[in-house]
Amino acid sequence: MEQSNQSKSPKDNKGSKIKNNKFLQFTAVAFQMGATIFLGNYLGKWLDKNYNTNFYEQVVTLIAVFISLYLVIKQAIKASKE
């Protein structure tokens, strides 16, 4: 009776590992996106403070958003090909 639970073929385990791997991959993408935007905002604030301006924060944060979206789309395309 217990053998039926343990008699899973290696293919079954491989399929679940692939699903878990993609889940972890996209979880990491979310953290990467947040970190990119945060660092862009931080850089913009630093530039505003050092150059006595008030537009670098918005510009650099917007550029960071576009960069992070580009990276997410690039990784999603790569994951869909695998």
N, C-alpha and C. Protein backbone atom coordinates (compact mmCIF):
# COMPACT_ATOMS: atom_id res chain seq x y z
N MET A 1 0.81 -1.19 0.00
CA MET A 1 0.00 0.00 0.00
C MET A 1 0.86 1.26 0.00
N GLU A 2 1.86 1.28 0.81
CA GLU A 2 2.72 2.44 0.85
C GLU A 2 3.63 2.51 -0.35
N GLN A 3 3.86 1.35 -1.00
CA GLN A 3 4.72 1.35 -2.16
C GLN A 3 4.14 2.13 -3.32
N SER A 4 2.83 2.20 -3.42
CA SER A 4 2.22 2.94 -4.52
C SER A 4 2.56 4.42 -4.44
N ASN A 5 2.70 4.96 -3.23
CA ASN A 5 3.09 6.36 -3.09
C ASN A 5 4.56 6.57 -3.43
N GLN A 6 5.37 5.57 -3.16
CA GLN A 6 6.80 5.71 -3.39
C GLN A 6 7.19 5.29 -4.79
N SER A 7 6.30 4.70 -5.55
CA SER A 7 6.65 4.19 -6.86
C SER A 7 6.44 5.21 -7.98
N LYS A 8 6.55 6.46 -7.66
CA LYS A 8 6.44 7.49 -8.70
C LYS A 8 7.66 7.40 -9.59
N SER A 9 7.44 7.59 -10.85
CA SER A 9 8.56 7.53 -11.79
C SER A 9 9.37 8.81 -11.70
N PRO A 10 10.63 8.78 -12.11
CA PRO A 10 11.47 9.99 -12.09
C PRO A 10 10.90 11.11 -12.96
N LYS A 11 10.13 10.75 -13.98
CA LYS A 11 9.54 11.78 -14.83
C LYS A 11 8.56 12.65 -14.05
N ASP A 12 7.79 12.03 -13.14
CA ASP A 12 6.83 12.78 -12.33
C ASP A 12 7.55 13.80 -11.45
N ASN A 13 8.64 13.38 -10.84
CA ASN A 13 9.41 14.29 -9.99
C ASN A 13 10.05 15.39 -10.81
N LYS A 14 10.51 15.07 -11.99
CA LYS A 14 11.14 16.07 -12.85
C LYS A 14 10.15 17.15 -13.26
N GLY A 15 8.92 16.78 -13.57
CA GLY A 15 7.90 17.75 -13.94
C GLY A 15 7.58 18.70 -12.81
N SER A 16 7.50 18.19 -11.59
CA SER A 16 7.21 19.06 -10.46
C SER A 16 8.40 19.96 -10.15
N LYS A 17 9.62 19.45 -10.37
CA LYS A 17 10.80 20.30 -10.15
C LYS A 17 10.84 21.45 -11.14
N ILE A 18 10.46 21.20 -12.38
CA ILE A 18 10.44 22.25 -13.38
C ILE A 18 9.41 23.31 -13.01
N LYS A 19 8.22 22.89 -12.56
CA LYS A 19 7.20 23.86 -12.16
C LYS A 19 7.68 24.69 -10.99
N ASN A 20 8.31 24.04 -10.00
CA ASN A 20 8.82 24.78 -8.84
C ASN A 20 9.94 25.72 -9.26
N ASN A 21 10.78 25.29 -10.18
CA ASN A 21 11.87 26.12 -10.64
C ASN A 21 11.34 27.38 -11.33
N LYS A 22 10.30 27.24 -12.15
CA LYS A 22 9.73 28.42 -12.82
C LYS A 22 9.06 29.34 -11.80
N PHE A 23 8.41 28.76 -10.80
CA PHE A 23 7.80 29.57 -9.74
C PHE A 23 8.87 30.38 -9.02
N LEU A 24 9.96 29.73 -8.66
CA LEU A 24 11.05 30.44 -7.98
C LEU A 24 11.68 31.48 -8.90
N GLN A 25 11.77 31.16 -10.17
CA GLN A 25 12.36 32.10 -11.13
C GLN A 25 11.53 33.37 -11.21
N PHE A 26 10.21 33.25 -11.28
CA PHE A 26 9.37 34.43 -11.38
C PHE A 26 9.24 35.16 -10.04
N THR A 27 9.41 34.45 -8.94
CA THR A 27 9.46 35.12 -7.64
C THR A 27 10.71 35.99 -7.56
N ALA A 28 11.81 35.46 -8.05
CA ALA A 28 13.06 36.23 -8.06
C ALA A 28 12.94 37.44 -8.98
N VAL A 29 12.19 37.31 -10.07
CA VAL A 29 11.99 38.42 -11.00
C VAL A 29 11.28 39.57 -10.28
N ALA A 30 10.31 39.25 -9.45
CA ALA A 30 9.59 40.29 -8.71
C ALA A 30 10.53 41.06 -7.78
N PHE A 31 11.38 40.32 -7.08
CA PHE A 31 12.34 40.99 -6.19
C PHE A 31 13.36 41.81 -6.99
N GLN A 32 13.76 41.29 -8.14
CA GLN A 32 14.70 42.02 -9.00
C GLN A 32 14.06 43.32 -9.49
N MET A 33 12.80 43.26 -9.85
CA MET A 33 12.09 44.45 -10.33
C MET A 33 12.00 45.49 -9.21
N GLY A 34 11.64 45.05 -8.02
CA GLY A 34 11.55 45.97 -6.89
C GLY A 34 12.89 46.60 -6.56
N ALA A 35 13.94 45.80 -6.59
CA ALA A 35 15.28 46.31 -6.27
C ALA A 35 15.76 47.31 -7.32
N THR A 36 15.46 47.04 -8.58
CA THR A 36 15.87 47.96 -9.65
C THR A 36 15.18 49.31 -9.50
N ILE A 37 13.89 49.29 -9.23
CA ILE A 37 13.14 50.54 -9.07
C ILE A 37 13.60 51.28 -7.82
N PHE A 38 13.82 50.54 -6.73
CA PHE A 38 14.27 51.17 -5.49
C PHE A 38 15.63 51.84 -5.69
N LEU A 39 16.56 51.13 -6.32
CA LEU A 39 17.88 51.72 -6.54
C LEU A 39 17.84 52.91 -7.49
N GLY A 40 16.96 52.86 -8.48
CA GLY A 40 16.79 54.01 -9.36
C GLY A 40 16.26 55.21 -8.62
N ASN A 41 15.30 54.98 -7.74
CA ASN A 41 14.74 56.07 -6.94
C ASN A 41 15.79 56.64 -5.99
N TYR A 42 16.55 55.76 -5.37
CA TYR A 42 17.59 56.19 -4.45
C TYR A 42 18.66 57.02 -5.18
N LEU A 43 19.05 56.56 -6.36
CA LEU A 43 20.02 57.30 -7.16
C LEU A 43 19.46 58.67 -7.55
N GLY A 44 18.18 58.72 -7.92
CA GLY A 44 17.57 60.00 -8.28
C GLY A 44 17.53 60.97 -7.11
N LYS A 45 17.21 60.46 -5.93
CA LYS A 45 17.21 61.32 -4.74
C LYS A 45 18.61 61.84 -4.46
N TRP A 46 19.61 60.97 -4.61
CA TRP A 46 20.99 61.38 -4.37
C TRP A 46 21.41 62.46 -5.36
N LEU A 47 21.05 62.28 -6.63
CA LEU A 47 21.39 63.29 -7.64
C LEU A 47 20.69 64.61 -7.36
N ASP A 48 19.41 64.56 -6.98
CA ASP A 48 18.69 65.79 -6.63
C ASP A 48 19.35 66.51 -5.47
N LYS A 49 19.75 65.76 -4.47
CA LYS A 49 20.37 66.36 -3.29
C LYS A 49 21.72 67.00 -3.63
N ASN A 50 22.53 66.29 -4.41
CA ASN A 50 23.88 66.79 -4.70
C ASN A 50 23.91 67.90 -5.73
N TYR A 51 22.95 67.93 -6.64
CA TYR A 51 22.94 68.97 -7.68
C TYR A 51 21.84 70.02 -7.49
N ASN A 52 21.18 69.99 -6.34
CA ASN A 52 20.14 70.96 -5.99
C ASN A 52 19.09 71.11 -7.09
N THR A 53 18.58 69.98 -7.54
CA THR A 53 17.52 69.97 -8.55
C THR A 53 16.33 69.22 -7.99
N ASN A 54 15.27 69.17 -8.76
CA ASN A 54 14.10 68.43 -8.29
C ASN A 54 13.49 67.55 -9.38
N PHE A 55 14.26 67.21 -10.41
CA PHE A 55 13.69 66.38 -11.47
C PHE A 55 14.41 65.04 -11.65
N TYR A 56 15.61 64.88 -11.12
CA TYR A 56 16.33 63.64 -11.31
C TYR A 56 15.61 62.43 -10.71
N GLU A 57 14.99 62.63 -9.57
CA GLU A 57 14.31 61.51 -8.91
C GLU A 57 13.24 60.91 -9.82
N GLN A 58 12.41 61.76 -10.41
CA GLN A 58 11.35 61.25 -11.28
C GLN A 58 11.90 60.63 -12.55
N VAL A 59 12.90 61.27 -13.14
CA VAL A 59 13.46 60.79 -14.41
C VAL A 59 14.16 59.45 -14.21
N VAL A 60 15.02 59.36 -13.21
CA VAL A 60 15.78 58.13 -12.99
C VAL A 60 14.86 57.00 -12.54
N THR A 61 13.85 57.30 -11.73
CA THR A 61 12.89 56.27 -11.32
C THR A 61 12.11 55.75 -12.52
N LEU A 62 11.70 56.64 -13.40
CA LEU A 62 10.98 56.21 -14.61
C LEU A 62 11.86 55.35 -15.50
N ILE A 63 13.12 55.72 -15.64
CA ILE A 63 14.05 54.91 -16.42
C ILE A 63 14.24 53.54 -15.77
N ALA A 64 14.31 53.51 -14.44
CA ALA A 64 14.44 52.23 -13.72
C ALA A 64 13.21 51.35 -13.92
N VAL A 65 12.04 51.95 -13.98
CA VAL A 65 10.81 51.19 -14.23
C VAL A 65 10.88 50.55 -15.62
N PHE A 66 11.28 51.33 -16.62
CA PHE A 66 11.38 50.78 -17.97
C PHE A 66 12.43 49.68 -18.06
N ILE A 67 13.55 49.87 -17.39
CA ILE A 67 14.59 48.84 -17.38
C ILE A 67 14.07 47.56 -16.72
N SER A 68 13.39 47.71 -15.60
CA SER A 68 12.88 46.52 -14.91
C SER A 68 11.81 45.82 -15.73
N LEU A 69 10.95 46.56 -16.42
CA LEU A 69 9.95 45.94 -17.29
C LEU A 69 10.62 45.20 -18.45
N TYR A 70 11.66 45.80 -19.01
CA TYR A 70 12.42 45.14 -20.07
C TYR A 70 13.00 43.82 -19.58
N LEU A 71 13.58 43.82 -18.38
CA LEU A 71 14.18 42.61 -17.83
C LEU A 71 13.12 41.54 -17.56
N VAL A 72 11.96 41.94 -17.08
CA VAL A 72 10.88 40.99 -16.81
C VAL A 72 10.40 40.35 -18.12
N ILE A 73 10.19 41.17 -19.13
CA ILE A 73 9.72 40.64 -20.42
C ILE A 73 10.78 39.72 -21.02
N LYS A 74 12.04 40.11 -20.93
CA LYS A 74 13.13 39.29 -21.46
C LYS A 74 13.18 37.93 -20.76
N GLN A 75 13.03 37.92 -19.45
CA GLN A 75 13.07 36.67 -18.71
C GLN A 75 11.82 35.82 -18.95
N ALA A 76 10.68 36.46 -19.14
CA ALA A 76 9.46 35.71 -19.44
C ALA A 76 9.54 35.04 -20.80
N ILE A 77 10.11 35.72 -21.76
CA ILE A 77 10.29 35.12 -23.10
C ILE A 77 11.26 33.95 -23.01
N LYS A 78 12.33 34.13 -22.24
CA LYS A 78 13.30 33.05 -22.08
C LYS A 78 12.66 31.84 -21.39
N ALA A 79 11.84 32.08 -20.39
CA ALA A 79 11.20 30.98 -19.66
C ALA A 79 10.16 30.27 -20.53
N SER A 80 9.50 31.00 -21.42
CA SER A 80 8.50 30.36 -22.27
C SER A 80 9.14 29.49 -23.34
N LYS A 81 10.38 29.76 -23.69
CA LYS A 81 11.08 28.95 -24.68
C LYS A 81 11.61 27.66 -24.07
N GLU A 82 11.80 27.63 -22.76
CA GLU A 82 12.33 26.43 -22.10
C GLU A 82 11.29 25.36 -21.93
